[in-house]
N, C-alpha and C. Protein backbone atom coordinates (compact mmCIF):
# COMPACT_ATOMS: atom_id res chain seq x y z
N UNK A 1 49.64 94.28 76.32
CA UNK A 1 48.65 95.01 76.26
C UNK A 1 47.40 94.30 76.64
N UNK A 2 47.49 93.08 76.28
CA UNK A 2 46.45 92.10 76.63
C UNK A 2 46.08 92.05 78.01
N UNK A 3 47.13 92.09 78.97
CA UNK A 3 46.83 92.07 80.43
C UNK A 3 46.13 93.37 80.92
N UNK A 4 46.54 94.68 80.24
CA UNK A 4 45.82 95.83 80.76
C UNK A 4 44.45 96.10 80.26
N UNK A 5 43.90 95.19 79.26
CA UNK A 5 42.76 95.15 78.87
C UNK A 5 42.04 94.46 79.75
N UNK A 6 42.50 93.23 80.28
CA UNK A 6 42.07 92.22 81.30
C UNK A 6 41.76 92.99 82.58
N UNK A 7 42.61 93.66 83.00
CA UNK A 7 42.60 94.39 84.15
C UNK A 7 41.49 95.44 84.31
N UNK A 8 41.63 96.26 83.01
CA UNK A 8 40.59 97.37 82.95
C UNK A 8 39.04 96.60 83.00
N UNK A 9 39.02 95.74 82.15
CA UNK A 9 38.01 95.03 82.20
C UNK A 9 37.27 94.57 83.42
N UNK A 10 38.05 93.89 84.16
CA UNK A 10 37.81 93.58 85.58
C UNK A 10 37.42 94.55 86.33
N UNK A 11 38.48 95.74 86.14
CA UNK A 11 37.88 96.90 87.24
C UNK A 11 36.35 97.61 86.86
N UNK A 12 36.22 97.50 85.70
CA UNK A 12 34.79 98.12 85.21
C UNK A 12 33.79 97.24 85.57
N UNK A 13 33.90 95.86 85.39
CA UNK A 13 32.89 94.82 85.84
C UNK A 13 32.74 94.92 87.25
N UNK A 14 33.88 94.92 87.90
CA UNK A 14 33.80 95.36 89.61
C UNK A 14 33.12 96.66 90.06
N UNK A 15 33.21 97.64 89.22
CA UNK A 15 32.66 98.77 89.83
C UNK A 15 31.26 98.76 89.44
N UNK A 16 30.72 98.25 88.30
CA UNK A 16 29.47 98.08 88.05
C UNK A 16 28.64 97.29 89.10
N UNK A 17 29.15 96.18 89.21
CA UNK A 17 28.66 95.13 90.49
C UNK A 17 28.48 95.96 91.72
N UNK A 18 29.68 96.75 92.01
CA UNK A 18 29.58 97.58 93.58
C UNK A 18 28.44 98.67 93.44
N UNK A 19 28.19 99.29 92.31
CA UNK A 19 27.47 100.53 92.26
C UNK A 19 26.09 99.94 92.27
N UNK A 20 26.01 98.76 91.34
CA UNK A 20 24.33 98.02 91.47
C UNK A 20 24.16 97.72 92.61
N UNK A 21 25.22 97.01 93.54
CA UNK A 21 24.89 96.47 94.96
C UNK A 21 24.51 97.59 95.81
N UNK A 22 25.12 98.72 95.83
CA UNK A 22 24.58 100.02 96.76
C UNK A 22 23.53 100.37 96.24
N UNK A 23 22.87 100.46 95.00
CA UNK A 23 21.69 101.03 94.69
C UNK A 23 20.53 100.04 95.14
N UNK A 24 20.92 98.92 94.86
CA UNK A 24 19.77 98.17 95.52
C UNK A 24 19.62 98.10 97.03
N UNK A 25 20.57 98.23 97.93
CA UNK A 25 20.80 98.17 99.17
C UNK A 25 19.98 99.44 99.75
N UNK A 26 20.16 100.39 98.82
CA UNK A 26 19.35 101.82 99.17
C UNK A 26 17.86 101.45 99.34
N UNK A 27 17.37 100.51 98.67
CA UNK A 27 15.94 99.99 98.64
C UNK A 27 15.57 99.22 99.90
N UNK A 28 16.67 98.64 100.70
CA UNK A 28 16.32 97.62 101.33
C UNK A 28 15.30 97.84 102.61
N UNK A 29 15.46 99.03 102.89
CA UNK A 29 14.68 99.58 104.39
C UNK A 29 13.35 100.27 104.10
N UNK A 30 12.84 100.56 102.82
CA UNK A 30 11.99 101.07 102.33
C UNK A 30 10.73 100.53 102.11
N UNK A 31 9.83 100.43 103.23
CA UNK A 31 8.68 99.52 102.88
C UNK A 31 7.49 100.07 102.01
N UNK A 32 6.94 99.37 101.10
CA UNK A 32 5.81 99.87 100.40
C UNK A 32 4.36 99.59 101.23
N UNK A 33 4.43 98.81 101.98
CA UNK A 33 3.26 98.77 102.79
C UNK A 33 3.64 98.05 104.23
N UNK A 34 2.60 98.09 104.99
CA UNK A 34 2.37 97.30 106.51
C UNK A 34 2.62 96.00 106.28
N UNK A 35 3.49 95.41 105.72
CA UNK A 35 3.93 93.94 105.50
C UNK A 35 4.70 93.49 106.67
N UNK A 36 4.62 92.37 107.50
CA UNK A 36 5.62 92.13 108.33
C UNK A 36 6.89 91.86 107.68
N UNK A 37 7.98 91.74 108.42
CA UNK A 37 9.37 91.78 107.91
C UNK A 37 9.68 90.57 107.43
N UNK A 38 10.31 90.03 106.20
CA UNK A 38 10.82 88.84 105.85
C UNK A 38 11.85 88.27 107.05
N UNK A 39 12.79 89.21 107.50
CA UNK A 39 13.84 88.79 108.59
C UNK A 39 14.44 90.25 109.02
N UNK A 40 14.85 89.97 109.89
CA UNK A 40 15.31 91.13 110.67
C UNK A 40 16.98 90.81 110.88
N UNK A 41 17.79 91.54 110.41
CA UNK A 41 19.20 91.07 110.73
C UNK A 41 20.05 92.46 111.29
N UNK A 42 20.55 92.45 112.54
CA UNK A 42 21.33 93.39 113.27
C UNK A 42 20.44 94.70 113.13
N UNK A 43 19.11 94.90 113.39
CA UNK A 43 18.35 96.06 113.65
C UNK A 43 17.76 96.71 111.91
N UNK A 44 18.22 95.89 110.90
CA UNK A 44 17.88 96.37 109.64
C UNK A 44 16.94 95.65 109.32
N UNK A 45 15.38 95.87 109.11
CA UNK A 45 14.26 95.27 108.39
C UNK A 45 14.40 95.20 106.96
N UNK A 46 14.26 94.19 106.28
CA UNK A 46 14.18 93.93 105.04
C UNK A 46 12.59 93.50 104.68
N UNK A 47 12.01 94.17 103.80
CA UNK A 47 10.75 93.60 103.25
C UNK A 47 10.59 92.89 102.04
N UNK A 48 9.81 91.90 102.08
CA UNK A 48 9.60 91.14 100.59
C UNK A 48 8.24 91.96 100.17
N UNK A 49 8.52 92.73 98.86
CA UNK A 49 7.19 93.06 98.43
C UNK A 49 6.73 92.25 97.22
N UNK A 50 5.96 91.76 97.65
CA UNK A 50 5.02 90.71 96.50
C UNK A 50 3.69 91.51 96.24
N UNK A 51 3.24 92.09 95.08
CA UNK A 51 2.10 92.49 94.79
C UNK A 51 0.79 91.73 95.27
N UNK A 52 0.05 92.55 95.89
CA UNK A 52 -1.14 91.83 96.73
C UNK A 52 -2.41 92.69 96.14
N UNK A 53 -3.26 92.13 95.27
CA UNK A 53 -4.28 92.84 94.88
C UNK A 53 -5.22 93.12 95.71
N UNK A 54 -5.77 92.17 96.60
CA UNK A 54 -6.64 92.35 97.70
C UNK A 54 -6.06 93.50 98.39
N UNK A 55 -5.00 93.75 98.75
CA UNK A 55 -4.32 94.60 99.60
C UNK A 55 -4.54 96.08 99.05
N UNK A 56 -4.19 96.06 97.77
CA UNK A 56 -4.49 97.37 97.02
C UNK A 56 -5.92 97.80 96.92
N UNK A 57 -6.82 96.92 96.67
CA UNK A 57 -8.14 97.07 96.59
C UNK A 57 -8.46 97.81 97.84
N UNK A 58 -8.13 97.24 98.96
CA UNK A 58 -8.58 97.72 100.46
C UNK A 58 -8.42 99.25 100.58
N UNK A 59 -7.31 99.81 99.81
CA UNK A 59 -7.03 101.05 99.87
C UNK A 59 -7.96 101.90 99.59
N UNK A 60 -8.92 101.46 98.62
CA UNK A 60 -10.28 102.44 98.22
C UNK A 60 -11.10 102.66 99.22
N UNK A 61 -10.92 102.07 100.38
CA UNK A 61 -11.99 102.21 101.66
C UNK A 61 -11.21 103.39 102.47
N UNK A 62 -10.20 103.79 102.19
CA UNK A 62 -9.56 104.88 102.94
C UNK A 62 -9.65 106.31 102.62
N UNK A 63 -9.94 107.22 103.64
CA UNK A 63 -10.05 108.49 103.03
C UNK A 63 -8.70 109.10 102.79
N UNK A 64 -8.76 110.45 102.24
CA UNK A 64 -7.40 111.01 101.85
C UNK A 64 -6.52 111.31 102.90
N UNK A 65 -7.13 111.62 104.09
CA UNK A 65 -6.17 111.79 105.33
C UNK A 65 -5.54 110.30 105.71
N UNK A 66 -6.28 109.29 105.79
CA UNK A 66 -5.70 108.04 106.39
C UNK A 66 -4.65 107.53 105.17
N UNK A 67 -4.59 107.87 104.00
CA UNK A 67 -3.85 107.53 102.95
C UNK A 67 -2.53 108.42 103.30
N UNK A 68 -2.79 109.74 103.36
CA UNK A 68 -1.57 110.67 103.92
C UNK A 68 -0.92 110.12 105.20
N UNK A 69 -1.55 109.53 106.27
CA UNK A 69 -0.90 109.07 107.28
C UNK A 69 -0.12 107.66 106.94
N UNK A 70 -0.97 107.07 106.32
CA UNK A 70 -0.63 105.51 106.15
C UNK A 70 0.94 105.48 105.04
N UNK A 71 0.90 106.28 104.30
CA UNK A 71 2.16 106.47 103.39
C UNK A 71 2.93 107.52 103.63
N UNK A 72 2.82 108.04 104.70
CA UNK A 72 3.74 109.38 105.30
C UNK A 72 3.74 110.47 103.94
N UNK A 73 2.73 110.94 103.40
CA UNK A 73 2.54 111.88 102.56
C UNK A 73 2.59 113.30 102.89
N UNK A 74 3.75 113.88 102.78
CA UNK A 74 3.66 115.41 103.29
C UNK A 74 2.97 116.28 102.35
N UNK A 75 2.57 117.47 102.97
CA UNK A 75 2.36 118.47 101.78
C UNK A 75 3.12 118.89 100.49
N UNK A 76 4.32 118.61 100.53
CA UNK A 76 5.23 118.74 99.35
C UNK A 76 5.03 117.62 98.25
N UNK A 77 4.27 116.63 98.63
CA UNK A 77 3.89 115.51 97.59
C UNK A 77 2.55 115.49 97.38
N UNK A 78 1.81 116.39 97.47
CA UNK A 78 0.40 116.69 97.04
C UNK A 78 0.35 117.72 95.96
N UNK A 79 -0.49 117.24 94.99
CA UNK A 79 -0.74 117.96 93.82
C UNK A 79 -2.23 118.71 93.72
N UNK A 80 -2.52 119.63 93.49
CA UNK A 80 -4.00 120.16 93.68
C UNK A 80 -4.28 120.55 92.03
N UNK A 81 -5.55 120.18 91.76
CA UNK A 81 -6.04 120.54 90.46
C UNK A 81 -5.41 120.09 89.38
N UNK A 82 -5.13 118.69 89.41
CA UNK A 82 -4.61 117.91 88.34
C UNK A 82 -5.52 116.99 87.61
N UNK A 83 -4.99 116.40 86.65
CA UNK A 83 -5.92 115.42 85.93
C UNK A 83 -5.37 114.22 85.74
N UNK A 84 -6.26 113.33 85.58
CA UNK A 84 -5.74 111.97 85.21
C UNK A 84 -6.46 111.39 83.97
N UNK A 85 -6.05 111.11 82.77
CA UNK A 85 -6.77 110.79 81.65
C UNK A 85 -7.81 111.85 81.52
N UNK A 86 -9.04 111.32 81.37
CA UNK A 86 -10.44 112.38 81.41
C UNK A 86 -11.01 112.93 82.69
N UNK A 87 -10.06 112.40 83.78
CA UNK A 87 -10.71 112.76 85.16
C UNK A 87 -10.07 114.12 85.54
N UNK A 88 -10.66 115.32 85.85
CA UNK A 88 -10.09 116.61 86.03
C UNK A 88 -10.72 116.91 87.56
N UNK A 89 -9.76 118.20 87.81
CA UNK A 89 -10.25 118.48 89.29
C UNK A 89 -9.74 117.71 90.27
N UNK A 90 -8.64 117.06 90.41
CA UNK A 90 -8.24 116.16 91.24
C UNK A 90 -7.11 116.37 92.27
N UNK A 91 -7.15 115.76 93.17
CA UNK A 91 -5.84 116.02 94.26
C UNK A 91 -5.04 114.69 94.08
N UNK A 92 -3.73 114.74 93.88
CA UNK A 92 -2.90 113.71 93.69
C UNK A 92 -1.88 113.64 94.87
N UNK A 93 -1.84 112.34 95.55
CA UNK A 93 -1.05 112.15 96.62
C UNK A 93 0.03 111.23 96.12
N UNK A 94 1.12 111.19 96.37
CA UNK A 94 2.25 110.31 96.01
C UNK A 94 3.55 110.39 96.89
N UNK A 95 3.87 109.06 97.55
CA UNK A 95 5.18 109.05 98.30
C UNK A 95 5.84 107.72 97.60
N UNK A 96 6.61 107.86 96.70
CA UNK A 96 7.18 106.73 95.94
C UNK A 96 8.03 105.84 97.29
N UNK A 97 8.42 106.42 98.16
CA UNK A 97 9.20 105.76 99.41
C UNK A 97 8.37 104.77 99.90
N UNK A 98 7.08 104.90 100.25
CA UNK A 98 6.15 103.71 100.82
C UNK A 98 5.00 103.35 99.89
N UNK A 99 4.89 103.70 98.83
CA UNK A 99 3.96 103.00 97.97
C UNK A 99 4.21 103.58 96.58
N UNK A 100 4.17 102.37 95.67
CA UNK A 100 4.50 103.06 94.17
C UNK A 100 3.41 103.85 93.33
N UNK A 101 2.07 103.84 94.14
CA UNK A 101 0.91 104.55 93.47
C UNK A 101 0.73 105.89 93.56
N UNK A 102 -0.17 106.49 92.62
CA UNK A 102 -0.34 107.64 92.85
C UNK A 102 -1.98 107.74 92.92
N UNK A 103 -2.13 108.26 94.14
CA UNK A 103 -3.63 108.30 94.58
C UNK A 103 -4.36 109.67 94.12
N UNK A 104 -5.36 109.45 93.48
CA UNK A 104 -6.22 110.66 92.78
C UNK A 104 -7.51 110.76 93.49
N UNK A 105 -7.91 111.78 94.37
CA UNK A 105 -8.99 112.18 95.02
C UNK A 105 -9.69 113.25 94.44
N UNK A 106 -11.04 113.25 94.88
CA UNK A 106 -11.88 114.47 94.41
C UNK A 106 -13.08 114.55 95.45
N UNK A 107 -12.90 115.68 96.02
CA UNK A 107 -13.67 115.84 97.34
C UNK A 107 -13.55 114.92 98.37
N UNK A 108 -12.28 114.66 98.59
CA UNK A 108 -11.94 113.61 99.75
C UNK A 108 -12.14 112.34 99.37
N UNK A 109 -12.77 111.89 98.09
CA UNK A 109 -12.91 110.49 97.83
C UNK A 109 -11.96 109.86 96.74
N UNK A 110 -11.40 108.61 96.89
CA UNK A 110 -10.40 108.21 95.94
C UNK A 110 -11.30 108.01 94.61
N UNK A 111 -10.76 108.35 93.79
CA UNK A 111 -11.48 108.23 92.25
C UNK A 111 -10.29 106.96 91.38
N UNK A 112 -9.16 107.23 91.79
CA UNK A 112 -8.24 106.50 90.83
C UNK A 112 -6.92 106.20 91.79
N UNK A 113 -6.25 104.97 92.03
CA UNK A 113 -5.04 104.73 92.21
C UNK A 113 -4.31 104.24 91.01
N UNK A 114 -3.33 104.76 90.60
CA UNK A 114 -2.65 104.40 89.41
C UNK A 114 -1.23 103.97 90.07
N UNK A 115 -1.17 102.62 89.57
CA UNK A 115 0.24 101.90 89.93
C UNK A 115 1.02 101.92 88.66
N UNK A 116 1.92 102.41 88.24
CA UNK A 116 2.86 102.47 87.18
C UNK A 116 3.99 101.43 87.25
N UNK A 117 4.60 101.46 86.07
CA UNK A 117 5.53 100.41 86.00
C UNK A 117 6.69 100.40 86.73
N UNK A 118 6.84 99.19 87.68
CA UNK A 118 7.68 99.08 88.75
C UNK A 118 8.31 97.42 88.66
N UNK A 119 9.16 97.15 89.58
CA UNK A 119 9.84 95.89 89.51
C UNK A 119 8.53 94.87 89.90
N UNK A 120 7.85 95.09 90.75
CA UNK A 120 6.71 94.21 91.24
C UNK A 120 5.82 94.07 90.27
N UNK A 121 5.38 94.79 89.29
CA UNK A 121 4.58 94.66 88.42
C UNK A 121 5.20 93.76 87.21
N UNK A 122 6.39 93.98 87.03
CA UNK A 122 7.38 93.42 85.91
C UNK A 122 7.28 91.88 86.23
N UNK A 123 7.17 91.50 87.43
CA UNK A 123 7.09 89.99 87.69
C UNK A 123 5.94 89.54 87.74
N UNK A 124 4.63 90.12 87.46
CA UNK A 124 3.35 89.41 87.46
C UNK A 124 2.84 89.41 86.00
N UNK A 125 2.45 88.07 85.58
CA UNK A 125 1.76 87.97 84.31
C UNK A 125 0.36 88.26 84.18
N UNK A 126 -0.24 88.61 83.11
CA UNK A 126 -1.55 88.91 82.96
C UNK A 126 -2.39 87.91 83.47
N UNK A 127 -2.08 86.75 82.90
CA UNK A 127 -2.82 85.47 83.33
C UNK A 127 -2.94 85.23 84.86
N UNK A 128 -1.83 85.79 85.50
CA UNK A 128 -1.89 85.39 87.01
C UNK A 128 -2.82 86.61 87.84
N UNK A 129 -2.77 87.62 87.13
CA UNK A 129 -3.75 88.97 87.51
C UNK A 129 -5.18 88.80 87.18
N UNK A 130 -5.39 88.14 85.93
CA UNK A 130 -6.81 87.72 85.34
C UNK A 130 -7.58 86.51 86.07
N UNK A 131 -6.54 85.65 86.67
CA UNK A 131 -7.08 84.60 87.51
C UNK A 131 -7.81 85.09 88.85
N UNK A 132 -7.65 86.27 89.20
CA UNK A 132 -8.54 86.76 90.50
C UNK A 132 -9.79 87.16 89.98
N UNK A 133 -10.06 87.09 88.93
CA UNK A 133 -11.56 87.43 88.46
C UNK A 133 -12.06 86.24 87.58
N UNK A 134 -13.60 85.79 88.04
CA UNK A 134 -14.09 84.63 87.68
C UNK A 134 -14.27 84.97 85.84
N UNK A 135 -14.76 86.07 85.68
CA UNK A 135 -15.09 86.36 84.35
C UNK A 135 -14.05 86.97 83.57
N UNK A 136 -14.39 86.87 82.18
CA UNK A 136 -13.32 87.69 81.06
C UNK A 136 -13.77 89.29 81.28
N UNK A 137 -12.43 89.89 81.42
CA UNK A 137 -12.53 91.37 81.09
C UNK A 137 -12.54 92.04 80.21
N UNK A 138 -13.05 93.35 79.98
CA UNK A 138 -13.06 94.08 78.73
C UNK A 138 -11.86 94.17 78.24
N UNK A 139 -11.48 93.79 76.88
CA UNK A 139 -10.20 93.77 76.43
C UNK A 139 -10.07 95.05 75.13
N UNK A 140 -9.27 95.92 75.64
CA UNK A 140 -9.01 97.17 74.64
C UNK A 140 -7.70 97.20 74.54
N UNK A 141 -7.37 98.10 73.52
CA UNK A 141 -5.94 98.66 73.15
C UNK A 141 -5.42 99.47 74.09
N UNK A 142 -3.78 99.32 74.48
CA UNK A 142 -3.62 99.99 75.57
C UNK A 142 -2.74 101.10 75.30
N UNK A 143 -2.49 102.19 76.01
CA UNK A 143 -1.72 103.40 75.72
C UNK A 143 -0.26 103.17 76.18
N UNK A 144 -0.22 101.52 76.80
CA UNK A 144 1.09 101.28 77.22
C UNK A 144 2.28 100.80 75.96
N UNK A 145 1.60 100.50 74.75
CA UNK A 145 2.29 100.25 73.38
C UNK A 145 1.54 99.28 72.70
N UNK A 146 2.07 99.14 71.66
CA UNK A 146 1.37 98.11 70.58
C UNK A 146 1.20 96.79 70.90
N UNK A 147 2.12 96.35 72.00
CA UNK A 147 2.20 94.92 72.48
C UNK A 147 1.14 94.68 73.30
N UNK A 148 0.54 95.74 74.15
CA UNK A 148 -0.20 95.88 75.34
C UNK A 148 -1.58 95.82 75.19
N UNK A 149 -2.21 95.08 75.86
CA UNK A 149 -3.82 95.00 75.74
C UNK A 149 -4.10 95.86 77.51
N UNK A 150 -5.28 96.42 77.10
CA UNK A 150 -6.04 97.01 78.36
C UNK A 150 -7.09 96.12 78.62
N UNK A 151 -7.13 95.33 79.99
CA UNK A 151 -8.16 94.81 80.41
C UNK A 151 -8.92 95.40 81.68
N UNK A 152 -10.23 95.58 81.62
CA UNK A 152 -11.18 96.36 82.51
C UNK A 152 -12.15 95.67 82.83
N UNK A 153 -12.15 95.63 84.37
CA UNK A 153 -13.22 95.08 85.17
C UNK A 153 -13.97 96.18 85.82
N UNK A 154 -15.05 96.69 85.20
CA UNK A 154 -15.58 97.98 85.78
C UNK A 154 -16.14 97.37 87.19
N UNK A 155 -16.93 96.25 87.28
CA UNK A 155 -17.88 95.83 88.24
C UNK A 155 -16.60 95.53 89.58
N UNK A 156 -15.52 95.11 89.20
CA UNK A 156 -14.72 94.94 90.44
C UNK A 156 -13.72 96.54 90.63
N UNK A 157 -13.76 97.13 89.85
CA UNK A 157 -12.81 98.49 90.09
C UNK A 157 -11.52 98.18 89.76
N UNK A 158 -11.27 97.47 88.82
CA UNK A 158 -9.74 97.30 88.37
C UNK A 158 -9.46 97.26 86.63
N UNK A 159 -8.52 97.92 86.37
CA UNK A 159 -8.16 97.83 84.98
C UNK A 159 -6.62 97.69 84.93
N UNK A 160 -5.89 96.99 84.01
CA UNK A 160 -4.63 96.77 83.82
C UNK A 160 -4.04 96.56 82.36
N UNK A 161 -2.78 97.06 82.26
CA UNK A 161 -2.32 97.08 80.82
C UNK A 161 -1.20 95.91 81.02
N UNK A 162 -1.20 94.92 80.00
CA UNK A 162 -0.13 93.98 80.18
C UNK A 162 0.17 93.37 78.77
N UNK A 163 1.26 92.88 78.51
CA UNK A 163 1.58 92.17 77.31
C UNK A 163 1.80 90.64 77.76
N UNK A 164 2.49 89.76 76.96
CA UNK A 164 2.51 88.44 77.24
C UNK A 164 3.29 88.24 78.49
N UNK A 165 4.17 89.06 78.58
CA UNK A 165 5.38 88.74 79.98
C UNK A 165 4.92 89.60 81.11
N UNK A 166 4.28 90.75 81.07
CA UNK A 166 4.50 91.35 82.35
C UNK A 166 3.12 92.51 82.15
N UNK A 167 2.88 92.98 83.62
CA UNK A 167 1.94 93.99 83.54
C UNK A 167 2.71 95.05 83.75
N UNK A 168 2.12 96.33 82.87
CA UNK A 168 2.74 97.61 82.80
C UNK A 168 2.39 98.51 83.69
N UNK A 169 0.92 98.77 83.98
CA UNK A 169 0.35 99.57 85.01
C UNK A 169 -1.22 99.04 85.47
N UNK A 170 -1.38 99.24 86.40
CA UNK A 170 -2.65 99.00 87.20
C UNK A 170 -3.61 100.38 87.64
N UNK A 171 -4.83 100.18 87.17
CA UNK A 171 -5.72 101.27 88.02
C UNK A 171 -6.89 100.65 88.68
N UNK A 172 -6.85 101.14 89.79
CA UNK A 172 -7.81 100.69 90.84
C UNK A 172 -8.93 101.88 91.22
N UNK A 173 -10.24 101.67 91.12
CA UNK A 173 -11.07 102.82 91.21
C UNK A 173 -12.32 102.20 91.78
N UNK A 174 -13.12 102.82 92.21
CA UNK A 174 -14.59 102.49 93.10
C UNK A 174 -15.31 101.51 91.77
N UNK A 175 -15.79 100.54 92.14
CA UNK A 175 -16.56 99.73 91.31
C UNK A 175 -17.86 100.29 90.67
N UNK A 176 -18.07 99.98 89.58
CA UNK A 176 -19.17 100.70 88.73
C UNK A 176 -20.17 99.67 88.36
């Protein structure tokens, strides 16, 4: 009986490892951005995805059409007349295969880039993100949960919610 339990346990562990590997491998060839490949093996390109705040901020300068082309956003990935928090009458573009963010436009101009919880953000600490700014941001309560704070840098056009371990989401908008 004991041997059967060991065999079943081994089979379950092996199955979970196999499924996990297949799941992770499915993301290997999906770029979030136009980064140079980390390495190329037999025609398969694998990208290293490290969150780059400057790269995300530069997206504010692109038009709606440029965002559509850059991230292969088809008509089926566009929602019209949506809202984001208190912002209304927006057009939302999103293609999770090429960028984790949701792009919100009004009259063809980007008003908000929301990058929600994902593996890249989980690896970033709030202190690392805050180090990009010389001054202290405005600290507010976060909708992400009781342990999270929302840090706002209006003159930089950046806000993010984080706890002591990781960043939950980032909002990028035109500086005010």
